[in-house]
């Protein structure tokens, strides 16, 4: 992974959140023309400005203004994804060996539960097979009980 595509470390996310928390509250807006641009709060407080702006300068100003609301939304989204991931894979924060051992234990428990369910179905099927052919109602009850 390159520097721009690697995953952020928890302390890097905290630093971003801290910078966001310290910044002037938003939302911000950007206005501009060929003579310059201005990024400001909605109540008129100047965030940054530049005289003699080019079209790329105004694109940058729009980016700066949008970042004031985009960054908090992205941080919230990251937190939600991390919570989802943790609920799906609670061992994600463990070391590799501990993670594998935990996964093995989980799989053994899962296999035992599946084997118990198979035995329950086999027993129900044996009971159904032993019923007289004219007693389909009893067979249906046994099958429903097994399920």
C-alpha atoms as a PDB file:
ATOM      1  CA  UNK A   1       0.000   0.000   0.000  1.00  0.00           C
ATOM      2  CA  UNK A   2       1.156   3.498  -0.744  1.00  0.00           C
ATOM      3  CA  UNK A   3       1.046   6.267   1.861  1.00  0.00           C
ATOM      4  CA  UNK A   4      -2.244   7.570   0.434  1.00  0.00           C
ATOM      5  CA  UNK A   5      -4.011   4.202   0.364  1.00  0.00           C
ATOM      6  CA  UNK A   6      -2.903   2.592   3.617  1.00  0.00           C
ATOM      7  CA  UNK A   7      -5.394   2.344   6.449  1.00  0.00           C
ATOM      8  CA  UNK A   8      -5.224   5.056   9.072  1.00  0.00           C
ATOM      9  CA  UNK A   9      -4.007   4.119  12.518  1.00  0.00           C
ATOM     10  CA  UNK A  10      -6.312   4.871  15.472  1.00  0.00           C
ATOM     11  CA  UNK A  11      -4.071   7.726  16.649  1.00  0.00           C
ATOM     12  CA  UNK A  12      -4.181   9.289  13.165  1.00  0.00           C
ATOM     13  CA  UNK A  13      -7.982   9.200  13.234  1.00  0.00           C
ATOM     14  CA  UNK A  14      -7.924  10.786  16.696  1.00  0.00           C
ATOM     15  CA  UNK A  15      -5.631  13.563  15.400  1.00  0.00           C
ATOM     16  CA  UNK A  16      -8.009  14.272  12.514  1.00  0.00           C
ATOM     17  CA  UNK A  17     -10.971  14.336  14.901  1.00  0.00           C
ATOM     18  CA  UNK A  18      -9.081  16.697  17.218  1.00  0.00           C
ATOM     19  CA  UNK A  19      -8.267  19.117  14.369  1.00  0.00           C
ATOM     20  CA  UNK A  20     -11.910  18.988  13.291  1.00  0.00           C
ATOM     21  CA  UNK A  21     -13.096  19.680  16.846  1.00  0.00           C
ATOM     22  CA  UNK A  22     -10.799  22.709  17.198  1.00  0.00           C
ATOM     23  CA  UNK A  23     -11.761  24.297  13.861  1.00  0.00           C
ATOM     24  CA  UNK A  24     -14.327  27.078  13.523  1.00  0.00           C
ATOM     25  CA  UNK A  25     -17.801  25.530  13.555  1.00  0.00           C
ATOM     26  CA  UNK A  26     -19.492  25.100  10.206  1.00  0.00           C
ATOM     27  CA  UNK A  27     -21.040  24.942   7.801  1.00  0.00           C
ATOM     28  CA  UNK A  28     -18.813  27.107   5.648  1.00  0.00           C
ATOM     29  CA  UNK A  29     -19.443  28.439   2.179  1.00  0.00           C
ATOM     30  CA  UNK A  30     -17.243  29.537  -0.689  1.00  0.00           C
ATOM     31  CA  UNK A  31     -17.895  32.471  -2.958  1.00  0.00           C
ATOM     32  CA  UNK A  32     -15.660  33.673  -5.701  1.00  0.00           C
ATOM     33  CA  UNK A  33     -15.071  35.330  -9.032  1.00  0.00           C
ATOM     34  CA  UNK A  34     -12.013  36.030 -11.213  1.00  0.00           C
ATOM     35  CA  UNK A  35     -10.933  38.673  -8.699  1.00  0.00           C
ATOM     36  CA  UNK A  36     -10.691  36.286  -5.763  1.00  0.00           C
ATOM     37  CA  UNK A  37     -12.501  33.938  -3.439  1.00  0.00           C
ATOM     38  CA  UNK A  38     -13.668  33.876   0.125  1.00  0.00           C
ATOM     39  CA  UNK A  39     -14.419  30.926   2.406  1.00  0.00           C
ATOM     40  CA  UNK A  40     -16.526  31.997   5.365  1.00  0.00           C
ATOM     41  CA  UNK A  41     -18.999  30.806   7.956  1.00  0.00           C
ATOM     42  CA  UNK A  42     -22.667  31.356   7.247  1.00  0.00           C
ATOM     43  CA  UNK A  43     -22.641  34.329   9.637  1.00  0.00           C
ATOM     44  CA  UNK A  44     -19.811  35.981   7.685  1.00  0.00           C
ATOM     45  CA  UNK A  45     -16.659  35.081   9.628  1.00  0.00           C
ATOM     46  CA  UNK A  46     -13.762  34.772   7.154  1.00  0.00           C
ATOM     47  CA  UNK A  47     -11.993  31.416   7.129  1.00  0.00           C
ATOM     48  CA  UNK A  48      -9.648  32.168   4.218  1.00  0.00           C
ATOM     49  CA  UNK A  49      -9.527  34.374   1.157  1.00  0.00           C
ATOM     50  CA  UNK A  50      -7.378  35.004  -1.880  1.00  0.00           C
ATOM     51  CA  UNK A  51      -7.199  37.813  -4.390  1.00  0.00           C
ATOM     52  CA  UNK A  52      -6.779  37.097  -8.110  1.00  0.00           C
ATOM     53  CA  UNK A  53      -8.130  33.562  -7.962  1.00  0.00           C
ATOM     54  CA  UNK A  54      -8.015  31.097 -10.821  1.00  0.00           C
ATOM     55  CA  UNK A  55     -10.664  28.469 -11.495  1.00  0.00           C
ATOM     56  CA  UNK A  56      -8.574  25.849  -9.668  1.00  0.00           C
ATOM     57  CA  UNK A  57      -8.322  28.238  -6.701  1.00  0.00           C
ATOM     58  CA  UNK A  58     -12.093  28.408  -6.548  1.00  0.00           C
ATOM     59  CA  UNK A  59     -12.309  24.590  -6.772  1.00  0.00           C
ATOM     60  CA  UNK A  60      -9.925  24.471  -3.806  1.00  0.00           C
ATOM     61  CA  UNK A  61     -12.076  27.011  -1.949  1.00  0.00           C
ATOM     62  CA  UNK A  62     -15.164  24.870  -2.516  1.00  0.00           C
ATOM     63  CA  UNK A  63     -13.229  21.862  -1.231  1.00  0.00           C
ATOM     64  CA  UNK A  64     -12.133  23.757   1.892  1.00  0.00           C
ATOM     65  CA  UNK A  65     -15.675  24.945   2.574  1.00  0.00           C
ATOM     66  CA  UNK A  66     -17.198  21.489   2.061  1.00  0.00           C
ATOM     67  CA  UNK A  67     -14.544  19.832   4.214  1.00  0.00           C
ATOM     68  CA  UNK A  68     -16.002  21.502   7.327  1.00  0.00           C
ATOM     69  CA  UNK A  69     -19.098  19.326   7.076  1.00  0.00           C
ATOM     70  CA  UNK A  70     -17.576  16.448   5.091  1.00  0.00           C
ATOM     71  CA  UNK A  71     -14.867  15.593   7.656  1.00  0.00           C
ATOM     72  CA  UNK A  72     -17.272  15.126  10.599  1.00  0.00           C
ATOM     73  CA  UNK A  73     -19.563  13.043   8.383  1.00  0.00           C
ATOM     74  CA  UNK A  74     -16.637  10.883   7.249  1.00  0.00           C
ATOM     75  CA  UNK A  75     -15.414  10.394  10.825  1.00  0.00           C
ATOM     76  CA  UNK A  76     -18.922   9.340  11.895  1.00  0.00           C
ATOM     77  CA  UNK A  77     -19.101   6.979   8.911  1.00  0.00           C
ATOM     78  CA  UNK A  78     -15.737   5.430   9.830  1.00  0.00           C
ATOM     79  CA  UNK A  79     -16.896   4.905  13.425  1.00  0.00           C
ATOM     80  CA  UNK A  80     -20.090   3.239  12.207  1.00  0.00           C
ATOM     81  CA  UNK A  81     -18.150   0.948   9.852  1.00  0.00           C
ATOM     82  CA  UNK A  82     -15.705   0.046  12.627  1.00  0.00           C
ATOM     83  CA  UNK A  83     -18.622  -0.801  14.942  1.00  0.00           C
ATOM     84  CA  UNK A  84     -20.201  -2.925  12.200  1.00  0.00           C
ATOM     85  CA  UNK A  85     -16.921  -4.705  11.561  1.00  0.00           C
ATOM     86  CA  UNK A  86     -16.401  -5.329  15.276  1.00  0.00           C
ATOM     87  CA  UNK A  87     -19.859  -6.849  15.559  1.00  0.00           C
ATOM     88  CA  UNK A  88     -19.199  -9.091  12.560  1.00  0.00           C
ATOM     89  CA  UNK A  89     -15.643  -9.954  13.582  1.00  0.00           C
ATOM     90  CA  UNK A  90     -15.143  -9.372  17.305  1.00  0.00           C
ATOM     91  CA  UNK A  91     -11.614 -10.793  17.132  1.00  0.00           C
ATOM     92  CA  UNK A  92     -10.393  -8.231  14.601  1.00  0.00           C
ATOM     93  CA  UNK A  93      -8.321  -6.319  17.146  1.00  0.00           C
ATOM     94  CA  UNK A  94      -6.501  -9.423  18.445  1.00  0.00           C
ATOM     95  CA  UNK A  95      -3.057 -10.606  17.337  1.00  0.00           C
ATOM     96  CA  UNK A  96      -2.845 -13.159  14.541  1.00  0.00           C
ATOM     97  CA  UNK A  97      -2.224 -16.249  16.712  1.00  0.00           C
ATOM     98  CA  UNK A  98      -4.819 -15.300  19.322  1.00  0.00           C
ATOM     99  CA  UNK A  99      -7.242 -14.478  16.516  1.00  0.00           C
ATOM    100  CA  UNK A 100      -6.723 -17.875  14.878  1.00  0.00           C
ATOM    101  CA  UNK A 101      -7.076 -19.715  18.187  1.00  0.00           C
ATOM    102  CA  UNK A 102     -10.270 -17.817  18.952  1.00  0.00           C
ATOM    103  CA  UNK A 103     -11.623 -18.547  15.488  1.00  0.00           C
ATOM    104  CA  UNK A 104     -10.800 -22.257  15.907  1.00  0.00           C
ATOM    105  CA  UNK A 105     -12.651 -22.369  19.241  1.00  0.00           C
ATOM    106  CA  UNK A 106     -15.618 -20.623  17.642  1.00  0.00           C
ATOM    107  CA  UNK A 107     -15.657 -23.038  14.714  1.00  0.00           C
ATOM    108  CA  UNK A 108     -15.477 -26.091  17.028  1.00  0.00           C
ATOM    109  CA  UNK A 109     -18.485 -24.738  18.965  1.00  0.00           C
ATOM    110  CA  UNK A 110     -20.322 -24.048  15.700  1.00  0.00           C
ATOM    111  CA  UNK A 111     -19.620 -27.554  14.391  1.00  0.00           C
ATOM    112  CA  UNK A 112     -20.878 -29.097  17.656  1.00  0.00           C
ATOM    113  CA  UNK A 113     -24.083 -27.070  17.411  1.00  0.00           C
ATOM    114  CA  UNK A 114     -24.554 -28.157  13.802  1.00  0.00           C
ATOM    115  CA  UNK A 115     -23.939 -31.802  14.714  1.00  0.00           C
ATOM    116  CA  UNK A 116     -26.537 -31.569  17.512  1.00  0.00           C
ATOM    117  CA  UNK A 117     -29.042 -30.147  15.050  1.00  0.00           C
ATOM    118  CA  UNK A 118     -28.325 -32.957  12.576  1.00  0.00           C
ATOM    119  CA  UNK A 119     -28.890 -35.524  15.348  1.00  0.00           C
ATOM    120  CA  UNK A 120     -32.186 -33.873  16.229  1.00  0.00           C
ATOM    121  CA  UNK A 121     -33.318 -34.107  12.595  1.00  0.00           C
ATOM    122  CA  UNK A 122     -32.173 -37.754  12.350  1.00  0.00           C
ATOM    123  CA  UNK A 123     -34.159 -38.645  15.459  1.00  0.00           C
ATOM    124  CA  UNK A 124     -37.259 -36.907  14.101  1.00  0.00           C
ATOM    125  CA  UNK A 125     -36.847 -38.636  10.761  1.00  0.00           C
ATOM    126  CA  UNK A 126     -36.505 -42.035  12.458  1.00  0.00           C
ATOM    127  CA  UNK A 127     -39.685 -41.356  14.406  1.00  0.00           C
ATOM    128  CA  UNK A 128     -41.506 -40.324  11.219  1.00  0.00           C
ATOM    129  CA  UNK A 129     -40.309 -43.451   9.398  1.00  0.00           C
ATOM    130  CA  UNK A 130     -41.635 -45.670  12.208  1.00  0.00           C
ATOM    131  CA  UNK A 131     -45.178 -44.250  11.999  1.00  0.00           C
ATOM    132  CA  UNK A 132     -47.968 -46.168  10.305  1.00  0.00           C
ATOM    133  CA  UNK A 133     -48.671 -44.897   6.780  1.00  0.00           C
ATOM    134  CA  UNK A 134     -52.197 -43.757   7.703  1.00  0.00           C
ATOM    135  CA  UNK A 135     -50.918 -41.487  10.481  1.00  0.00           C
ATOM    136  CA  UNK A 136     -49.540 -38.600   8.411  1.00  0.00           C
ATOM    137  CA  UNK A 137     -50.844 -36.068  10.912  1.00  0.00           C
ATOM    138  CA  UNK A 138     -48.513 -37.519  13.573  1.00  0.00           C
ATOM    139  CA  UNK A 139     -45.623 -37.388  11.095  1.00  0.00           C
ATOM    140  CA  UNK A 140     -46.358 -33.735  10.404  1.00  0.00           C
ATOM    141  CA  UNK A 141     -46.371 -32.936  14.137  1.00  0.00           C
ATOM    142  CA  UNK A 142     -43.000 -34.679  14.618  1.00  0.00           C
ATOM    143  CA  UNK A 143     -41.517 -32.801  11.662  1.00  0.00           C
ATOM    144  CA  UNK A 144     -42.783 -29.434  12.926  1.00  0.00           C
ATOM    145  CA  UNK A 145     -41.405 -30.209  16.388  1.00  0.00           C
ATOM    146  CA  UNK A 146     -37.976 -30.946  14.900  1.00  0.00           C
ATOM    147  CA  UNK A 147     -37.940 -27.714  12.940  1.00  0.00           C
END
